[in-house]
Amino acid sequence: MEIGSETRIATDATDRATNATNLSASLSDNEQSVLNAIRSNPKITQKQLQEATGITLGTIKRLLPKLQEKEKLERVGNRRSGQWKVND
C-alpha cells in the first residue's frame, strides 16, 4: 500500500456516506412516510398507503412516480398482483 492510500480510502468512504445521507435528506417527510409504510408491507395498495400515512390519495399518486424516478422505489410484477421494492 502506498503512502496516502489509506487517506484516500478513508476519504472515499466518507464521500459515499455523505452522498447517502444527502440522498436521504433530499426526500420529503411524505416520501419517507410512504417508503416506511412500503417497507412494512411491500404489497400495500395506494388506498392502504393513504390510510397508513394520512397523506391524500392524490399526493400518494404523485409521490410514487417521483420515488421511482429517484430510484428509491420500484414495482416488481404487474399492477394488480405485484409488489413494491424499496432501494436503500
PDB file of N, CA and C in Angstrom:
ATOM      1  N   MET A   1       0.851  -1.171   0.000  1.00  0.00           N
ATOM      2  CA  MET A   1       0.000   0.000   0.000  1.00  0.00           C
ATOM      3  C   MET A   1       0.896   1.232   0.000  1.00  0.00           C
ATOM      4  N   GLU A   2       0.631   2.150  -0.898  1.00  0.00           N
ATOM      5  CA  GLU A   2       1.463   3.343  -0.993  1.00  0.00           C
ATOM      6  C   GLU A   2       1.068   4.373   0.063  1.00  0.00           C
ATOM      7  N   ILE A   3       1.942   5.278   0.328  1.00  0.00           N
ATOM      8  CA  ILE A   3       1.678   6.334   1.306  1.00  0.00           C
ATOM      9  C   ILE A   3       0.534   7.198   0.801  1.00  0.00           C
ATOM     10  N   GLY A   4      -0.414   7.462   1.654  1.00  0.00           N
ATOM     11  CA  GLY A   4      -1.554   8.290   1.283  1.00  0.00           C
ATOM     12  C   GLY A   4      -2.756   7.491   0.808  1.00  0.00           C
ATOM     13  N   SER A   5      -2.556   6.212   0.501  1.00  0.00           N
ATOM     14  CA  SER A   5      -3.678   5.421   0.009  1.00  0.00           C
ATOM     15  C   SER A   5      -4.713   5.179   1.117  1.00  0.00           C
ATOM     16  N   GLU A   6      -4.244   5.076   2.356  1.00  0.00           N
ATOM     17  CA  GLU A   6      -5.189   4.917   3.468  1.00  0.00           C
ATOM     18  C   GLU A   6      -6.068   6.153   3.603  1.00  0.00           C
ATOM     19  N   THR A   7      -5.467   7.311   3.420  1.00  0.00           N
ATOM     20  CA  THR A   7      -6.227   8.562   3.485  1.00  0.00           C
ATOM     21  C   THR A   7      -7.242   8.616   2.362  1.00  0.00           C
ATOM     22  N   ARG A   8      -6.834   8.208   1.164  1.00  0.00           N
ATOM     23  CA  ARG A   8      -7.735   8.222   0.018  1.00  0.00           C
ATOM     24  C   ARG A   8      -8.898   7.254   0.242  1.00  0.00           C
ATOM     25  N   ILE A   9      -8.632   6.085   0.784  1.00  0.00           N
ATOM     26  CA  ILE A   9      -9.670   5.098   1.064  1.00  0.00           C
ATOM     27  C   ILE A   9     -10.650   5.652   2.097  1.00  0.00           C
ATOM     28  N   ALA A  10     -10.129   6.269   3.140  1.00  0.00           N
ATOM     29  CA  ALA A  10     -10.986   6.855   4.171  1.00  0.00           C
ATOM     30  C   ALA A  10     -11.828   7.991   3.604  1.00  0.00           C
ATOM     31  N   THR A  11     -11.226   8.803   2.746  1.00  0.00           N
ATOM     32  CA  THR A  11     -11.953   9.913   2.123  1.00  0.00           C
ATOM     33  C   THR A  11     -13.061   9.390   1.222  1.00  0.00           C
ATOM     34  N   ASP A  12     -12.782   8.355   0.441  1.00  0.00           N
ATOM     35  CA  ASP A  12     -13.798   7.765  -0.432  1.00  0.00           C
ATOM     36  C   ASP A  12     -14.970   7.226   0.382  1.00  0.00           C
ATOM     37  N   ALA A  13     -14.674   6.565   1.493  1.00  0.00           N
ATOM     38  CA  ALA A  13     -15.733   6.029   2.352  1.00  0.00           C
ATOM     39  C   ALA A  13     -16.574   7.160   2.938  1.00  0.00           C
ATOM     40  N   THR A  14     -15.923   8.228   3.341  1.00  0.00           N
ATOM     41  CA  THR A  14     -16.649   9.388   3.883  1.00  0.00           C
ATOM     42  C   THR A  14     -17.526  10.013   2.813  1.00  0.00           C
ATOM     43  N   ASP A  15     -17.020  10.132   1.600  1.00  0.00           N
ATOM     44  CA  ASP A  15     -17.799  10.695   0.492  1.00  0.00           C
ATOM     45  C   ASP A  15     -19.042   9.849   0.210  1.00  0.00           C
ATOM     46  N   ARG A  16     -18.893   8.530   0.223  1.00  0.00           N
ATOM     47  CA  ARG A  16     -20.043   7.647  -0.021  1.00  0.00           C
ATOM     48  C   ARG A  16     -21.076   7.810   1.085  1.00  0.00           C
ATOM     49  N   ALA A  17     -20.647   7.888   2.325  1.00  0.00           N
ATOM     50  CA  ALA A  17     -21.572   8.059   3.445  1.00  0.00           C
ATOM     51  C   ALA A  17     -22.282   9.408   3.357  1.00  0.00           C
ATOM     52  N   THR A  18     -21.564  10.440   2.969  1.00  0.00           N
ATOM     53  CA  THR A  18     -22.160  11.771   2.828  1.00  0.00           C
ATOM     54  C   THR A  18     -23.189  11.782   1.708  1.00  0.00           C
ATOM     55  N   ASN A  19     -22.883  11.138   0.589  1.00  0.00           N
ATOM     56  CA  ASN A  19     -23.830  11.071  -0.524  1.00  0.00           C
ATOM     57  C   ASN A  19     -25.099  10.333  -0.122  1.00  0.00           C
ATOM     58  N   ALA A  20     -24.976   9.250   0.634  1.00  0.00           N
ATOM     59  CA  ALA A  20     -26.148   8.509   1.092  1.00  0.00           C
ATOM     60  C   ALA A  20     -26.988   9.359   2.038  1.00  0.00           C
ATOM     61  N   THR A  21     -26.330  10.101   2.922  1.00  0.00           N
ATOM     62  CA  THR A  21     -27.043  10.981   3.846  1.00  0.00           C
ATOM     63  C   THR A  21     -27.750  12.092   3.087  1.00  0.00           C
ATOM     64  N   ASN A  22     -27.095  12.683   2.103  1.00  0.00           N
ATOM     65  CA  ASN A  22     -27.715  13.747   1.317  1.00  0.00           C
ATOM     66  C   ASN A  22     -28.914  13.243   0.545  1.00  0.00           C
ATOM     67  N   LEU A  23     -28.852  12.008   0.033  1.00  0.00           N
ATOM     68  CA  LEU A  23     -29.981  11.445  -0.688  1.00  0.00           C
ATOM     69  C   LEU A  23     -31.157  11.260   0.245  1.00  0.00           C
ATOM     70  N   SER A  24     -30.912  10.764   1.455  1.00  0.00           N
ATOM     71  CA  SER A  24     -31.979  10.615   2.438  1.00  0.00           C
ATOM     72  C   SER A  24     -32.555  11.968   2.805  1.00  0.00           C
ATOM     73  N   ALA A  25     -31.690  12.949   2.975  1.00  0.00           N
ATOM     74  CA  ALA A  25     -32.140  14.281   3.348  1.00  0.00           C
ATOM     75  C   ALA A  25     -32.934  14.926   2.225  1.00  0.00           C
ATOM     76  N   SER A  26     -32.700  14.511   0.984  1.00  0.00           N
ATOM     77  CA  SER A  26     -33.405  15.099  -0.140  1.00  0.00           C
ATOM     78  C   SER A  26     -34.834  14.588  -0.261  1.00  0.00           C
ATOM     79  N   LEU A  27     -35.199  13.573   0.510  1.00  0.00           N
ATOM     80  CA  LEU A  27     -36.563  13.060   0.492  1.00  0.00           C
ATOM     81  C   LEU A  27     -37.418  13.840   1.481  1.00  0.00           C
ATOM     82  N   SER A  28     -38.635  14.151   1.064  1.00  0.00           N
ATOM     83  CA  SER A  28     -39.550  14.875   1.939  1.00  0.00           C
ATOM     84  C   SER A  28     -40.072  13.942   3.032  1.00  0.00           C
ATOM     85  N   ASP A  29     -40.728  14.538   4.024  1.00  0.00           N
ATOM     86  CA  ASP A  29     -41.328  13.737   5.098  1.00  0.00           C
ATOM     87  C   ASP A  29     -42.370  12.782   4.535  1.00  0.00           C
ATOM     88  N   ASN A  30     -43.165  13.258   3.578  1.00  0.00           N
ATOM     89  CA  ASN A  30     -44.176  12.399   2.960  1.00  0.00           C
ATOM     90  C   ASN A  30     -43.534  11.229   2.226  1.00  0.00           C
ATOM     91  N   GLU A  31     -42.448  11.502   1.510  1.00  0.00           N
ATOM     92  CA  GLU A  31     -41.757  10.438   0.791  1.00  0.00           C
ATOM     93  C   GLU A  31     -41.189   9.409   1.773  1.00  0.00           C
ATOM     94  N   GLN A  32     -40.620   9.888   2.869  1.00  0.00           N
ATOM     95  CA  GLN A  32     -40.094   8.976   3.892  1.00  0.00           C
ATOM     96  C   GLN A  32     -41.221   8.126   4.484  1.00  0.00           C
ATOM     97  N   SER A  33     -42.370   8.752   4.756  1.00  0.00           N
ATOM     98  CA  SER A  33     -43.517   8.025   5.324  1.00  0.00           C
ATOM     99  C   SER A  33     -43.993   6.926   4.377  1.00  0.00           C
ATOM    100  N   VAL A  34     -44.071   7.263   3.094  1.00  0.00           N
ATOM    101  CA  VAL A  34     -44.501   6.279   2.101  1.00  0.00           C
ATOM    102  C   VAL A  34     -43.509   5.118   2.048  1.00  0.00           C
ATOM    103  N   LEU A  35     -42.215   5.414   2.009  1.00  0.00           N
ATOM    104  CA  LEU A  35     -41.205   4.347   1.957  1.00  0.00           C
ATOM    105  C   LEU A  35     -41.260   3.465   3.203  1.00  0.00           C
ATOM    106  N   ASN A  36     -41.467   4.070   4.365  1.00  0.00           N
ATOM    107  CA  ASN A  36     -41.554   3.288   5.602  1.00  0.00           C
ATOM    108  C   ASN A  36     -42.768   2.372   5.585  1.00  0.00           C
ATOM    109  N   ALA A  37     -43.895   2.864   5.096  1.00  0.00           N
ATOM    110  CA  ALA A  37     -45.104   2.035   5.017  1.00  0.00           C
ATOM    111  C   ALA A  37     -44.897   0.891   4.030  1.00  0.00           C
ATOM    112  N   ILE A  38     -44.232   1.174   2.928  1.00  0.00           N
ATOM    113  CA  ILE A  38     -43.978   0.131   1.933  1.00  0.00           C
ATOM    114  C   ILE A  38     -42.987  -0.894   2.467  1.00  0.00           C
ATOM    115  N   ARG A  39     -42.001  -0.450   3.237  1.00  0.00           N
ATOM    116  CA  ARG A  39     -41.049  -1.408   3.843  1.00  0.00           C
ATOM    117  C   ARG A  39     -41.790  -2.411   4.732  1.00  0.00           C
ATOM    118  N   SER A  40     -42.789  -1.934   5.461  1.00  0.00           N
ATOM    119  CA  SER A  40     -43.506  -2.827   6.374  1.00  0.00           C
ATOM    120  C   SER A  40     -44.501  -3.725   5.634  1.00  0.00           C
ATOM    121  N   ASN A  41     -44.940  -3.313   4.431  1.00  0.00           N
ATOM    122  CA  ASN A  41     -45.867  -4.132   3.649  1.00  0.00           C
ATOM    123  C   ASN A  41     -45.641  -3.864   2.162  1.00  0.00           C
ATOM    124  N   PRO A  42     -44.772  -4.638   1.505  1.00  0.00           N
ATOM    125  CA  PRO A  42     -44.461  -4.395   0.101  1.00  0.00           C
ATOM    126  C   PRO A  42     -45.660  -4.542  -0.849  1.00  0.00           C
ATOM    127  N   LYS A  43     -46.703  -5.230  -0.433  1.00  0.00           N
ATOM    128  CA  LYS A  43     -47.880  -5.421  -1.286  1.00  0.00           C
ATOM    129  C   LYS A  43     -48.971  -4.387  -1.005  1.00  0.00           C
ATOM    130  N   ILE A  44     -48.642  -3.336  -0.294  1.00  0.00           N
ATOM    131  CA  ILE A  44     -49.602  -2.316   0.100  1.00  0.00           C
ATOM    132  C   ILE A  44     -50.181  -1.613  -1.133  1.00  0.00           C
ATOM    133  N   THR A  45     -51.467  -1.287  -1.067  1.00  0.00           N
ATOM    134  CA  THR A  45     -52.120  -0.570  -2.164  1.00  0.00           C
ATOM    135  C   THR A  45     -52.032   0.937  -1.914  1.00  0.00           C
ATOM    136  N   GLN A  46     -52.369   1.713  -2.930  1.00  0.00           N
ATOM    137  CA  GLN A  46     -52.361   3.162  -2.770  1.00  0.00           C
ATOM    138  C   GLN A  46     -53.368   3.589  -1.709  1.00  0.00           C
ATOM    139  N   LYS A  47     -54.526   2.974  -1.696  1.00  0.00           N
ATOM    140  CA  LYS A  47     -55.560   3.292  -0.697  1.00  0.00           C
ATOM    141  C   LYS A  47     -55.041   2.959   0.715  1.00  0.00           C
ATOM    142  N   GLN A  48     -54.374   1.833   0.867  1.00  0.00           N
ATOM    143  CA  GLN A  48     -53.807   1.458   2.167  1.00  0.00           C
ATOM    144  C   GLN A  48     -52.686   2.408   2.566  1.00  0.00           C
ATOM    145  N   LEU A  49     -51.909   2.877   1.582  1.00  0.00           N
ATOM    146  CA  LEU A  49     -50.872   3.866   1.873  1.00  0.00           C
ATOM    147  C   LEU A  49     -51.501   5.142   2.415  1.00  0.00           C
ATOM    148  N   GLN A  50     -52.612   5.548   1.821  1.00  0.00           N
ATOM    149  CA  GLN A  50     -53.315   6.738   2.283  1.00  0.00           C
ATOM    150  C   GLN A  50     -53.740   6.562   3.745  1.00  0.00           C
ATOM    151  N   GLU A  51     -54.313   5.429   4.059  1.00  0.00           N
ATOM    152  CA  GLU A  51     -54.771   5.165   5.422  1.00  0.00           C
ATOM    153  C   GLU A  51     -53.616   5.069   6.404  1.00  0.00           C
ATOM    154  N   ALA A  52     -52.518   4.440   5.988  1.00  0.00           N
ATOM    155  CA  ALA A  52     -51.375   4.232   6.882  1.00  0.00           C
ATOM    156  C   ALA A  52     -50.607   5.518   7.157  1.00  0.00           C
ATOM    157  N   THR A  53     -50.552   6.402   6.160  1.00  0.00           N
ATOM    158  CA  THR A  53     -49.724   7.595   6.303  1.00  0.00           C
ATOM    159  C   THR A  53     -50.519   8.868   6.583  1.00  0.00           C
ATOM    160  N   GLY A  54     -51.806   8.860   6.245  1.00  0.00           N
ATOM    161  CA  GLY A  54     -52.609  10.067   6.405  1.00  0.00           C
ATOM    162  C   GLY A  54     -52.392  11.068   5.278  1.00  0.00           C
ATOM    163  N   ILE A  55     -51.715  10.654   4.235  1.00  0.00           N
ATOM    164  CA  ILE A  55     -51.449  11.503   3.069  1.00  0.00           C
ATOM    165  C   ILE A  55     -52.598  11.286   2.082  1.00  0.00           C
ATOM    166  N   THR A  56     -53.036  12.353   1.425  1.00  0.00           N
ATOM    167  CA  THR A  56     -54.151  12.217   0.493  1.00  0.00           C
ATOM    168  C   THR A  56     -53.789  11.290  -0.662  1.00  0.00           C
ATOM    169  N   LEU A  57     -54.826  10.681  -1.245  1.00  0.00           N
ATOM    170  CA  LEU A  57     -54.619   9.734  -2.336  1.00  0.00           C
ATOM    171  C   LEU A  57     -53.969  10.412  -3.544  1.00  0.00           C
ATOM    172  N   GLY A  58     -54.356  11.640  -3.831  1.00  0.00           N
ATOM    173  CA  GLY A  58     -53.745  12.369  -4.940  1.00  0.00           C
ATOM    174  C   GLY A  58     -52.256  12.574  -4.731  1.00  0.00           C
ATOM    175  N   THR A  59     -51.863  12.884  -3.507  1.00  0.00           N
ATOM    176  CA  THR A  59     -50.439  13.069  -3.198  1.00  0.00           C
ATOM    177  C   THR A  59     -49.695  11.745  -3.303  1.00  0.00           C
ATOM    178  N   ILE A  60     -50.308  10.670  -2.833  1.00  0.00           N
ATOM    179  CA  ILE A  60     -49.700   9.335  -2.949  1.00  0.00           C
ATOM    180  C   ILE A  60     -49.433   9.034  -4.422  1.00  0.00           C
ATOM    181  N   LYS A  61     -50.415   9.327  -5.273  1.00  0.00           N
ATOM    182  CA  LYS A  61     -50.280   9.041  -6.702  1.00  0.00           C
ATOM    183  C   LYS A  61     -49.194   9.891  -7.357  1.00  0.00           C
ATOM    184  N   ARG A  62     -48.907  11.054  -6.805  1.00  0.00           N
ATOM    185  CA  ARG A  62     -47.805  11.884  -7.324  1.00  0.00           C
ATOM    186  C   ARG A  62     -46.456  11.435  -6.767  1.00  0.00           C
ATOM    187  N   LEU A  63     -46.442  10.990  -5.503  1.00  0.00           N
ATOM    188  CA  LEU A  63     -45.179  10.610  -4.859  1.00  0.00           C
ATOM    189  C   LEU A  63     -44.586   9.322  -5.421  1.00  0.00           C
ATOM    190  N   LEU A  64     -45.424   8.340  -5.723  1.00  0.00           N
ATOM    191  CA  LEU A  64     -44.911   7.043  -6.165  1.00  0.00           C
ATOM    192  C   LEU A  64     -44.063   7.162  -7.443  1.00  0.00           C
ATOM    193  N   PRO A  65     -44.536   7.852  -8.487  1.00  0.00           N
ATOM    194  CA  PRO A  65     -43.660   8.008  -9.664  1.00  0.00           C
ATOM    195  C   PRO A  65     -42.391   8.816  -9.365  1.00  0.00           C
ATOM    196  N   LYS A  66     -42.504   9.819  -8.473  1.00  0.00           N
ATOM    197  CA  LYS A  66     -41.315  10.599  -8.104  1.00  0.00           C
ATOM    198  C   LYS A  66     -40.274   9.710  -7.432  1.00  0.00           C
ATOM    199  N   LEU A  67     -40.728   8.844  -6.543  1.00  0.00           N
ATOM    200  CA  LEU A  67     -39.803   7.933  -5.860  1.00  0.00           C
ATOM    201  C   LEU A  67     -39.194   6.936  -6.846  1.00  0.00           C
ATOM    202  N   GLN A  68     -39.966   6.548  -7.841  1.00  0.00           N
ATOM    203  CA  GLN A  68     -39.428   5.650  -8.858  1.00  0.00           C
ATOM    204  C   GLN A  68     -38.379   6.373  -9.709  1.00  0.00           C
ATOM    205  N   GLU A  69     -38.608   7.636 -10.035  1.00  0.00           N
ATOM    206  CA  GLU A  69     -37.627   8.418 -10.791  1.00  0.00           C
ATOM    207  C   GLU A  69     -36.330   8.588 -10.007  1.00  0.00           C
ATOM    208  N   LYS A  70     -36.447   8.748  -8.696  1.00  0.00           N
ATOM    209  CA  LYS A  70     -35.272   8.892  -7.838  1.00  0.00           C
ATOM    210  C   LYS A  70     -34.600   7.551  -7.567  1.00  0.00           C
ATOM    211  N   GLU A  71     -35.181   6.484  -8.127  1.00  0.00           N
ATOM    212  CA  GLU A  71     -34.679   5.116  -7.972  1.00  0.00           C
ATOM    213  C   GLU A  71     -34.682   4.654  -6.517  1.00  0.00           C
ATOM    214  N   LYS A  72     -35.590   5.188  -5.729  1.00  0.00           N
ATOM    215  CA  LYS A  72     -35.752   4.750  -4.342  1.00  0.00           C
ATOM    216  C   LYS A  72     -36.811   3.653  -4.244  1.00  0.00           C
ATOM    217  N   LEU A  73     -37.599   3.498  -5.311  1.00  0.00           N
ATOM    218  CA  LEU A  73     -38.726   2.582  -5.287  1.00  0.00           C
ATOM    219  C   LEU A  73     -38.908   1.979  -6.673  1.00  0.00           C
ATOM    220  N   GLU A  74     -39.260   0.699  -6.711  1.00  0.00           N
ATOM    221  CA  GLU A  74     -39.583   0.094  -7.996  1.00  0.00           C
ATOM    222  C   GLU A  74     -40.720  -0.896  -7.821  1.00  0.00           C
ATOM    223  N   ARG A  75     -41.445  -1.092  -8.889  1.00  0.00           N
ATOM    224  CA  ARG A  75     -42.565  -2.012  -8.884  1.00  0.00           C
ATOM    225  C   ARG A  75     -42.096  -3.328  -9.477  1.00  0.00           C
ATOM    226  N   VAL A  76     -42.324  -4.422  -8.761  1.00  0.00           N
ATOM    227  CA  VAL A  76     -41.946  -5.752  -9.211  1.00  0.00           C
ATOM    228  C   VAL A  76     -43.236  -6.502  -9.506  1.00  0.00           C
ATOM    229  N   GLY A  77     -43.351  -7.015 -10.705  1.00  0.00           N
ATOM    230  CA  GLY A  77     -44.574  -7.706 -11.087  1.00  0.00           C
ATOM    231  C   GLY A  77     -45.551  -6.752 -11.737  1.00  0.00           C
ATOM    232  N   ASN A  78     -46.783  -7.208 -11.884  1.00  0.00           N
ATOM    233  CA  ASN A  78     -47.765  -6.380 -12.578  1.00  0.00           C
ATOM    234  C   ASN A  78     -48.515  -5.458 -11.621  1.00  0.00           C
ATOM    235  N   ARG A  79     -49.370  -4.629 -12.184  1.00  0.00           N
ATOM    236  CA  ARG A  79     -50.080  -3.616 -11.394  1.00  0.00           C
ATOM    237  C   ARG A  79     -51.018  -4.250 -10.367  1.00  0.00           C
ATOM    238  N   ARG A  80     -51.614  -5.360 -10.711  1.00  0.00           N
ATOM    239  CA  ARG A  80     -52.626  -5.948  -9.838  1.00  0.00           C
ATOM    240  C   ARG A  80     -52.039  -6.830  -8.732  1.00  0.00           C
ATOM    241  N   SER A  81     -51.105  -7.691  -9.096  1.00  0.00           N
ATOM    242  CA  SER A  81     -50.600  -8.631  -8.093  1.00  0.00           C
ATOM    243  C   SER A  81     -49.118  -8.442  -7.787  1.00  0.00           C
ATOM    244  N   GLY A  82     -48.555  -7.318  -8.217  1.00  0.00           N
ATOM    245  CA  GLY A  82     -47.136  -7.059  -7.961  1.00  0.00           C
ATOM    246  C   GLY A  82     -46.915  -6.518  -6.567  1.00  0.00           C
ATOM    247  N   GLN A  83     -45.694  -6.137  -6.317  1.00  0.00           N
ATOM    248  CA  GLN A  83     -45.354  -5.539  -5.026  1.00  0.00           C
ATOM    249  C   GLN A  83     -44.261  -4.494  -5.228  1.00  0.00           C
ATOM    250  N   TRP A  84     -44.051  -3.701  -4.209  1.00  0.00           N
ATOM    251  CA  TRP A  84     -43.053  -2.636  -4.237  1.00  0.00           C
ATOM    252  C   TRP A  84     -41.739  -3.139  -3.684  1.00  0.00           C
ATOM    253  N   LYS A  85     -40.655  -2.572  -4.201  1.00  0.00           N
ATOM    254  CA  LYS A  85     -39.318  -2.880  -3.685  1.00  0.00           C
ATOM    255  C   LYS A  85     -38.646  -1.548  -3.379  1.00  0.00           C
ATOM    256  N   VAL A  86     -38.245  -1.358  -2.128  1.00  0.00           N
ATOM    257  CA  VAL A  86     -37.565  -0.131  -1.706  1.00  0.00           C
ATOM    258  C   VAL A  86     -36.076  -0.341  -1.897  1.00  0.00           C
ATOM    259  N   ASN A  87     -35.437   0.574  -2.617  1.00  0.00           N
ATOM    260  CA  ASN A  87     -33.990   0.525  -2.859  1.00  0.00           C
ATOM    261  C   ASN A  87     -33.310   1.480  -1.879  1.00  0.00           C
ATOM    262  N   ASP A  88     -32.568   0.922  -0.943  1.00  0.00           N
ATOM    263  CA  ASP A  88     -31.883   1.758   0.047  1.00  0.00           C
ATOM    264  C   ASP A  88     -30.522   2.173  -0.371  1.00  0.00           C
TER     265      ASP A  88
END
